PDB file of N, CA and C in Angstrom:
ATOM      1  N   MET A   1    -194.309 198.808 -16.377  1.00  0.00           N
ATOM      2  CA  MET A   1    -193.013 199.447 -16.605  1.00  0.00           C
ATOM      3  C   MET A   1    -192.094 199.234 -15.395  1.00  0.00           C
ATOM      4  N   GLY A   2    -192.605 199.370 -14.178  1.00  0.00           N
ATOM      5  CA  GLY A   2    -191.807 199.246 -12.967  1.00  0.00           C
ATOM      6  C   GLY A   2    -191.247 197.849 -12.772  1.00  0.00           C
ATOM      7  N   LYS A   3    -192.030 196.846 -13.141  1.00  0.00           N
ATOM      8  CA  LYS A   3    -191.601 195.465 -12.982  1.00  0.00           C
ATOM      9  C   LYS A   3    -190.419 195.147 -13.899  1.00  0.00           C
ATOM     10  N   MET A   4    -190.426 195.740 -15.087  1.00  0.00           N
ATOM     11  CA  MET A   4    -189.365 195.493 -16.044  1.00  0.00           C
ATOM     12  C   MET A   4    -188.032 196.073 -15.533  1.00  0.00           C
ATOM     13  N   VAL A   5    -188.086 197.246 -14.913  1.00  0.00           N
ATOM     14  CA  VAL A   5    -186.890 197.890 -14.377  1.00  0.00           C
ATOM     15  C   VAL A   5    -186.291 197.025 -13.270  1.00  0.00           C
ATOM     16  N   VAL A   6    -187.135 196.503 -12.410  1.00  0.00           N
ATOM     17  CA  VAL A   6    -186.673 195.652 -11.316  1.00  0.00           C
ATOM     18  C   VAL A   6    -186.023 194.390 -11.875  1.00  0.00           C
ATOM     19  N   THR A   7    -186.612 193.821 -12.906  1.00  0.00           N
ATOM     20  CA  THR A   7    -186.070 192.610 -13.531  1.00  0.00           C
ATOM     21  C   THR A   7    -184.698 192.882 -14.131  1.00  0.00           C
ATOM     22  N   ILE A   8    -184.550 194.010 -14.795  1.00  0.00           N
ATOM     23  CA  ILE A   8    -183.270 194.373 -15.414  1.00  0.00           C
ATOM     24  C   ILE A   8    -182.219 194.605 -14.330  1.00  0.00           C
ATOM     25  N   LEU A   9    -182.585 195.336 -13.286  1.00  0.00           N
ATOM     26  CA  LEU A   9    -181.639 195.595 -12.185  1.00  0.00           C
ATOM     27  C   LEU A   9    -181.220 194.293 -11.508  1.00  0.00           C
ATOM     28  N   SER A  10    -182.155 193.379 -11.359  1.00  0.00           N
ATOM     29  CA  SER A  10    -181.865 192.089 -10.760  1.00  0.00           C
ATOM     30  C   SER A  10    -180.864 191.308 -11.606  1.00  0.00           C
ATOM     31  N   ALA A  11    -181.050 191.325 -12.915  1.00  0.00           N
ATOM     32  CA  ALA A  11    -180.143 190.616 -13.826  1.00  0.00           C
ATOM     33  C   ALA A  11    -178.745 191.222 -13.781  1.00  0.00           C
ATOM     34  N   VAL A  12    -178.659 192.545 -13.744  1.00  0.00           N
ATOM     35  CA  VAL A  12    -177.368 193.229 -13.675  1.00  0.00           C
ATOM     36  C   VAL A  12    -176.666 192.881 -12.357  1.00  0.00           C
ATOM     37  N   ALA A  13    -177.408 192.901 -11.260  1.00  0.00           N
ATOM     38  CA  ALA A  13    -176.826 192.579  -9.953  1.00  0.00           C
ATOM     39  C   ALA A  13    -176.320 191.141  -9.923  1.00  0.00           C
ATOM     40  N   GLN A  14    -177.075 190.239 -10.494  1.00  0.00           N
ATOM     41  CA  GLN A  14    -176.674 188.830 -10.522  1.00  0.00           C
ATOM     42  C   GLN A  14    -175.401 188.640 -11.357  1.00  0.00           C
ATOM     43  N   ALA A  15    -175.326 189.317 -12.489  1.00  0.00           N
ATOM     44  CA  ALA A  15    -174.138 189.230 -13.339  1.00  0.00           C
ATOM     45  C   ALA A  15    -172.923 189.797 -12.617  1.00  0.00           C
ATOM     46  N   GLU A  16    -173.090 190.896 -11.918  1.00  0.00           N
ATOM     47  CA  GLU A  16    -171.991 191.510 -11.169  1.00  0.00           C
ATOM     48  C   GLU A  16    -171.520 190.582 -10.051  1.00  0.00           C
ATOM     49  N   ARG A  17    -172.442 189.944  -9.396  1.00  0.00           N
ATOM     50  CA  ARG A  17    -172.090 189.000  -8.325  1.00  0.00           C
ATOM     51  C   ARG A  17    -171.251 187.854  -8.881  1.00  0.00           C
ATOM     52  N   LEU A  18    -171.615 187.349 -10.044  1.00  0.00           N
ATOM     53  CA  LEU A  18    -170.842 186.270 -10.673  1.00  0.00           C
ATOM     54  C   LEU A  18    -169.433 186.737 -11.023  1.00  0.00           C
ATOM     55  N   ARG A  19    -169.306 187.978 -11.511  1.00  0.00           N
ATOM     56  CA  ARG A  19    -167.973 188.519 -11.832  1.00  0.00           C
ATOM     57  C   ARG A  19    -167.118 188.646 -10.578  1.00  0.00           C
ATOM     58  N   ILE A  20    -167.724 189.084  -9.477  1.00  0.00           N
ATOM     59  CA  ILE A  20    -166.994 189.214  -8.211  1.00  0.00           C
ATOM     60  C   ILE A  20    -166.502 187.838  -7.755  1.00  0.00           C
ATOM     61  N   LEU A  21    -167.372 186.823  -7.830  1.00  0.00           N
ATOM     62  CA  LEU A  21    -166.986 185.469  -7.434  1.00  0.00           C
ATOM     63  C   LEU A  21    -165.836 184.939  -8.295  1.00  0.00           C
ATOM     64  N   GLU A  22    -165.888 185.207  -9.598  1.00  0.00           N
ATOM     65  CA  GLU A  22    -164.817 184.764 -10.490  1.00  0.00           C
ATOM     66  C   GLU A  22    -163.492 185.399 -10.106  1.00  0.00           C
ATOM     67  N   ARG A  23    -163.497 186.712  -9.868  1.00  0.00           N
ATOM     68  CA  ARG A  23    -162.256 187.414  -9.495  1.00  0.00           C
ATOM     69  C   ARG A  23    -161.730 186.905  -8.156  1.00  0.00           C
ATOM     70  N   THR A  24    -162.616 186.670  -7.217  1.00  0.00           N
ATOM     71  CA  THR A  24    -162.210 186.170  -5.901  1.00  0.00           C
ATOM     72  C   THR A  24    -161.570 184.798  -6.025  1.00  0.00           C
ATOM     73  N   ASN A  25    -162.194 183.920  -6.798  1.00  0.00           N
ATOM     74  CA  ASN A  25    -161.647 182.573  -6.979  1.00  0.00           C
ATOM     75  C   ASN A  25    -160.300 182.595  -7.696  1.00  0.00           C
ATOM     76  N   GLU A  26    -160.155 183.487  -8.678  1.00  0.00           N
ATOM     77  CA  GLU A  26    -158.874 183.616  -9.372  1.00  0.00           C
ATOM     78  C   GLU A  26    -157.785 184.043  -8.390  1.00  0.00           C
ATOM     79  N   GLY A  27    -158.092 185.006  -7.557  1.00  0.00           N
ATOM     80  CA  GLY A  27    -157.129 185.479  -6.558  1.00  0.00           C
ATOM     81  C   GLY A  27    -156.766 184.387  -5.571  1.00  0.00           C
ATOM     82  N   ARG A  28    -157.742 183.624  -5.157  1.00  0.00           N
ATOM     83  CA  ARG A  28    -157.509 182.517  -4.215  1.00  0.00           C
ATOM     84  C   ARG A  28    -156.611 181.454  -4.855  1.00  0.00           C
ATOM     85  N   GLN A  29    -156.872 181.130  -6.111  1.00  0.00           N
ATOM     86  CA  GLN A  29    -156.056 180.126  -6.807  1.00  0.00           C
ATOM     87  C   GLN A  29    -154.621 180.614  -6.995  1.00  0.00           C
ATOM     88  N   GLU A  30    -154.457 181.901  -7.315  1.00  0.00           N
ATOM     89  CA  GLU A  30    -153.116 182.474  -7.451  1.00  0.00           C
ATOM     90  C   GLU A  30    -152.359 182.382  -6.136  1.00  0.00           C
ATOM     91  N   ALA A  31    -153.029 182.727  -5.053  1.00  0.00           N
ATOM     92  CA  ALA A  31    -152.396 182.687  -3.731  1.00  0.00           C
ATOM     93  C   ALA A  31    -151.973 181.263  -3.379  1.00  0.00           C
ATOM     94  N   LYS A  32    -152.838 180.297  -3.646  1.00  0.00           N
ATOM     95  CA  LYS A  32    -152.493 178.896  -3.361  1.00  0.00           C
ATOM     96  C   LYS A  32    -151.291 178.457  -4.193  1.00  0.00           C
ATOM     97  N   ALA A  33    -151.231 178.884  -5.454  1.00  0.00           N
ATOM     98  CA  ALA A  33    -150.114 178.533  -6.324  1.00  0.00           C
ATOM     99  C   ALA A  33    -148.803 179.100  -5.787  1.00  0.00           C
ATOM    100  N   LYS A  34    -148.885 180.246  -5.116  1.00  0.00           N
ATOM    101  CA  LYS A  34    -147.686 180.872  -4.540  1.00  0.00           C
ATOM    102  C   LYS A  34    -147.331 180.272  -3.184  1.00  0.00           C
ATOM    103  N   GLY A  35    -148.199 179.371  -2.685  1.00  0.00           N
ATOM    104  CA  GLY A  35    -147.894 178.704  -1.421  1.00  0.00           C
ATOM    105  C   GLY A  35    -148.493 179.359  -0.194  1.00  0.00           C
ATOM    106  N   VAL A  36    -149.429 180.277  -0.374  1.00  0.00           N
ATOM    107  CA  VAL A  36    -150.084 180.917   0.761  1.00  0.00           C
ATOM    108  C   VAL A  36    -150.973 179.900   1.457  1.00  0.00           C
ATOM    109  N   LYS A  37    -150.884 179.834   2.778  1.00  0.00           N
ATOM    110  CA  LYS A  37    -151.707 178.898   3.532  1.00  0.00           C
ATOM    111  C   LYS A  37    -152.962 179.617   4.010  1.00  0.00           C
ATOM    112  N   PHE A  38    -154.078 178.914   3.914  1.00  0.00           N
ATOM    113  CA  PHE A  38    -155.356 179.480   4.328  1.00  0.00           C
ATOM    114  C   PHE A  38    -155.767 178.894   5.669  1.00  0.00           C
ATOM    115  N   GLY A  39    -156.626 179.584   6.353  1.00  0.00           N
ATOM    116  CA  GLY A  39    -157.175 179.064   7.597  1.00  0.00           C
ATOM    117  C   GLY A  39    -156.453 179.577   8.826  1.00  0.00           C
ATOM    118  N   ARG A  40    -156.971 179.182   9.959  1.00  0.00           N
ATOM    119  CA  ARG A  40    -156.443 179.610  11.240  1.00  0.00           C
ATOM    120  C   ARG A  40    -155.127 178.894  11.534  1.00  0.00           C
ATOM    121  N   LYS A  41    -154.196 179.619  12.165  1.00  0.00           N
ATOM    122  CA  LYS A  41    -152.919 179.020  12.515  1.00  0.00           C
ATOM    123  C   LYS A  41    -153.104 178.054  13.685  1.00  0.00           C
ATOM    124  N   PRO A  42    -152.348 176.944  13.696  1.00  0.00           N
ATOM    125  CA  PRO A  42    -152.479 175.992  14.797  1.00  0.00           C
ATOM    126  C   PRO A  42    -152.096 176.637  16.132  1.00  0.00           C
ATOM    127  N   THR A  43    -152.888 176.360  17.151  1.00  0.00           N
ATOM    128  CA  THR A  43    -152.619 176.947  18.466  1.00  0.00           C
ATOM    129  C   THR A  43    -152.147 175.907  19.467  1.00  0.00           C
ATOM    130  N   VAL A  44    -152.222 174.635  19.083  1.00  0.00           N
ATOM    131  CA  VAL A  44    -151.830 173.557  19.990  1.00  0.00           C
ATOM    132  C   VAL A  44    -150.564 172.894  19.442  1.00  0.00           C
ATOM    133  N   ASP A  45    -149.573 172.729  20.315  1.00  0.00           N
ATOM    134  CA  ASP A  45    -148.337 172.052  19.931  1.00  0.00           C
ATOM    135  C   ASP A  45    -148.573 170.544  20.048  1.00  0.00           C
ATOM    136  N   LYS A  46    -148.916 169.917  18.923  1.00  0.00           N
ATOM    137  CA  LYS A  46    -149.263 168.490  18.923  1.00  0.00           C
ATOM    138  C   LYS A  46    -148.080 167.629  19.343  1.00  0.00           C
ATOM    139  N   ALA A  47    -146.883 168.053  18.989  1.00  0.00           N
ATOM    140  CA  ALA A  47    -145.691 167.287  19.359  1.00  0.00           C
ATOM    141  C   ALA A  47    -145.531 167.239  20.877  1.00  0.00           C
ATOM    142  N   LYS A  48    -145.828 168.354  21.516  1.00  0.00           N
ATOM    143  CA  LYS A  48    -145.717 168.411  22.979  1.00  0.00           C
ATOM    144  C   LYS A  48    -146.773 167.518  23.640  1.00  0.00           C
ATOM    145  N   VAL A  49    -147.982 167.510  23.065  1.00  0.00           N
ATOM    146  CA  VAL A  49    -149.053 166.656  23.582  1.00  0.00           C
ATOM    147  C   VAL A  49    -148.626 165.191  23.483  1.00  0.00           C
ATOM    148  N   ARG A  50    -148.083 164.816  22.319  1.00  0.00           N
ATOM    149  CA  ARG A  50    -147.650 163.420  22.115  1.00  0.00           C
ATOM    150  C   ARG A  50    -146.500 163.051  23.048  1.00  0.00           C
ATOM    151  N   LEU A  51    -145.561 163.982  23.232  1.00  0.00           N
ATOM    152  CA  LEU A  51    -144.421 163.732  24.107  1.00  0.00           C
ATOM    153  C   LEU A  51    -144.879 163.470  25.540  1.00  0.00           C
ATOM    154  N   LEU A  52    -145.785 164.319  26.033  1.00  0.00           N
ATOM    155  CA  LEU A  52    -146.301 164.142  27.391  1.00  0.00           C
ATOM    156  C   LEU A  52    -147.038 162.805  27.505  1.00  0.00           C
ATOM    157  N   ARG A  53    -147.787 162.448  26.469  1.00  0.00           N
ATOM    158  CA  ARG A  53    -148.538 161.181  26.494  1.00  0.00           C
ATOM    159  C   ARG A  53    -147.583 159.981  26.533  1.00  0.00           C
ATOM    160  N   GLU A  54    -146.492 160.078  25.757  1.00  0.00           N
ATOM    161  CA  GLU A  54    -145.493 159.005  25.746  1.00  0.00           C
ATOM    162  C   GLU A  54    -144.806 158.862  27.102  1.00  0.00           C
ATOM    163  N   GLN A  55    -144.755 159.953  27.843  1.00  0.00           N
ATOM    164  CA  GLN A  55    -144.152 159.928  29.180  1.00  0.00           C
ATOM    165  C   GLN A  55    -145.119 159.377  30.220  1.00  0.00           C
ATOM    166  N   GLY A  56    -146.315 159.028  29.767  1.00  0.00           N
ATOM    167  CA  GLY A  56    -147.289 158.427  30.664  1.00  0.00           C
ATOM    168  C   GLY A  56    -148.212 159.411  31.356  1.00  0.00           C
ATOM    169  N   VAL A  57    -148.192 160.661  30.938  1.00  0.00           N
ATOM    170  CA  VAL A  57    -149.058 161.679  31.533  1.00  0.00           C
ATOM    171  C   VAL A  57    -150.471 161.497  30.975  1.00  0.00           C
ATOM    172  N   GLY A  58    -151.477 161.581  31.835  1.00  0.00           N
ATOM    173  CA  GLY A  58    -152.864 161.410  31.415  1.00  0.00           C
ATOM    174  C   GLY A  58    -153.404 162.630  30.686  1.00  0.00           C
ATOM    175  N   ALA A  59    -154.496 162.434  29.994  1.00  0.00           N
ATOM    176  CA  ALA A  59    -155.093 163.492  29.182  1.00  0.00           C
ATOM    177  C   ALA A  59    -155.505 164.696  30.024  1.00  0.00           C
ATOM    178  N   THR A  60    -156.071 164.446  31.202  1.00  0.00           N
ATOM    179  CA  THR A  60    -156.512 165.553  32.061  1.00  0.00           C
ATOM    180  C   THR A  60    -155.317 166.395  32.494  1.00  0.00           C
ATOM    181  N   GLU A  61    -154.223 165.741  32.850  1.00  0.00           N
ATOM    182  CA  GLU A  61    -153.022 166.466  33.290  1.00  0.00           C
ATOM    183  C   GLU A  61    -152.371 167.214  32.128  1.00  0.00           C
ATOM    184  N   ILE A  62    -152.360 166.602  30.953  1.00  0.00           N
ATOM    185  CA  ILE A  62    -151.816 167.279  29.765  1.00  0.00           C
ATOM    186  C   ILE A  62    -152.616 168.548  29.502  1.00  0.00           C
ATOM    187  N   ALA A  63    -153.932 168.429  29.578  1.00  0.00           N
ATOM    188  CA  ALA A  63    -154.809 169.575  29.347  1.00  0.00           C
ATOM    189  C   ALA A  63    -154.519 170.692  30.338  1.00  0.00           C
ATOM    190  N   LYS A  64    -154.325 170.337  31.590  1.00  0.00           N
ATOM    191  CA  LYS A  64    -154.022 171.349  32.612  1.00  0.00           C
ATOM    192  C   LYS A  64    -152.685 172.017  32.336  1.00  0.00           C
ATOM    193  N   GLN A  65    -151.666 171.217  32.021  1.00  0.00           N
ATOM    194  CA  GLN A  65    -150.325 171.761  31.794  1.00  0.00           C
ATOM    195  C   GLN A  65    -150.272 172.703  30.595  1.00  0.00           C
ATOM    196  N   LEU A  66    -150.981 172.337  29.532  1.00  0.00           N
ATOM    197  CA  LEU A  66    -150.935 173.134  28.303  1.00  0.00           C
ATOM    198  C   LEU A  66    -152.069 174.158  28.219  1.00  0.00           C
ATOM    199  N   ASN A  67    -152.926 174.160  29.226  1.00  0.00           N
ATOM    200  CA  ASN A  67    -154.058 175.096  29.281  1.00  0.00           C
ATOM    201  C   ASN A  67    -154.968 174.948  28.057  1.00  0.00           C
ATOM    202  N   ILE A  68    -155.321 173.697  27.754  1.00  0.00           N
ATOM    203  CA  ILE A  68    -156.245 173.392  26.655  1.00  0.00           C
ATOM    204  C   ILE A  68    -157.308 172.424  27.174  1.00  0.00           C
ATOM    205  N   GLY A  69    -158.333 172.200  26.388  1.00  0.00           N
ATOM    206  CA  GLY A  69    -159.392 171.277  26.785  1.00  0.00           C
ATOM    207  C   GLY A  69    -158.958 169.828  26.618  1.00  0.00           C
ATOM    208  N   ARG A  70    -159.548 168.945  27.410  1.00  0.00           N
ATOM    209  CA  ARG A  70    -159.219 167.528  27.327  1.00  0.00           C
ATOM    210  C   ARG A  70    -159.577 166.951  25.960  1.00  0.00           C
ATOM    211  N   SER A  71    -160.685 167.413  25.408  1.00  0.00           N
ATOM    212  CA  SER A  71    -161.080 166.934  24.079  1.00  0.00           C
ATOM    213  C   SER A  71    -160.052 167.357  23.026  1.00  0.00           C
ATOM    214  N   THR A  72    -159.422 168.509  23.226  1.00  0.00           N
ATOM    215  CA  THR A  72    -158.370 168.960  22.311  1.00  0.00           C
ATOM    216  C   THR A  72    -157.157 168.042  22.398  1.00  0.00           C
ATOM    217  N   VAL A  73    -156.868 167.548  23.595  1.00  0.00           N
ATOM    218  CA  VAL A  73    -155.767 166.611  23.777  1.00  0.00           C
ATOM    219  C   VAL A  73    -156.052 165.344  22.971  1.00  0.00           C
ATOM    220  N   TYR A  74    -157.254 164.802  23.117  1.00  0.00           N
ATOM    221  CA  TYR A  74    -157.613 163.596  22.379  1.00  0.00           C
ATOM    222  C   TYR A  74    -157.545 163.815  20.871  1.00  0.00           C
ATOM    223  N   LYS A  75    -158.000 164.978  20.429  1.00  0.00           N
ATOM    224  CA  LYS A  75    -157.980 165.295  18.996  1.00  0.00           C
ATOM    225  C   LYS A  75    -156.539 165.376  18.504  1.00  0.00           C
ATOM    226  N   ALA A  76    -155.657 165.989  19.284  1.00  0.00           N
ATOM    227  CA  ALA A  76    -154.242 166.108  18.887  1.00  0.00           C
ATOM    228  C   ALA A  76    -153.592 164.735  18.810  1.00  0.00           C
ATOM    229  N   LEU A  77    -154.009 163.819  19.651  1.00  0.00           N
ATOM    230  CA  LEU A  77    -153.436 162.477  19.655  1.00  0.00           C
ATOM    231  C   LEU A  77    -153.891 161.639  18.467  1.00  0.00           C
ATOM    232  N   THR A  78    -155.060 161.929  17.932  1.00  0.00           N
ATOM    233  CA  THR A  78    -155.580 161.157  16.798  1.00  0.00           C
ATOM    234  C   THR A  78    -155.156 161.740  15.447  1.00  0.00           C
ATOM    235  N   ASP A  79    -154.773 163.001  15.423  1.00  0.00           N
ATOM    236  CA  ASP A  79    -154.361 163.635  14.152  1.00  0.00           C
ATOM    237  C   ASP A  79    -153.008 163.160  13.706  1.00  0.00           C
TER     238      ASP A  79
END
């Protein structure tokens, strides 16, 4: 008898989880349709990195001036 109750509760929980996922995805799709942007906001001014690079400033100096990592400078230059 106890095993059957656990099985039923498990099935109900699984069905509820699927309903939650469906509602979440619907909300996400609605937000995207309205133009909501997802994810973290950019923290590095890529235009400034490119401008400094065009002026002949090296990656290490750009990183120091903008207080970012050198690898971030390289990433901004390739994006």
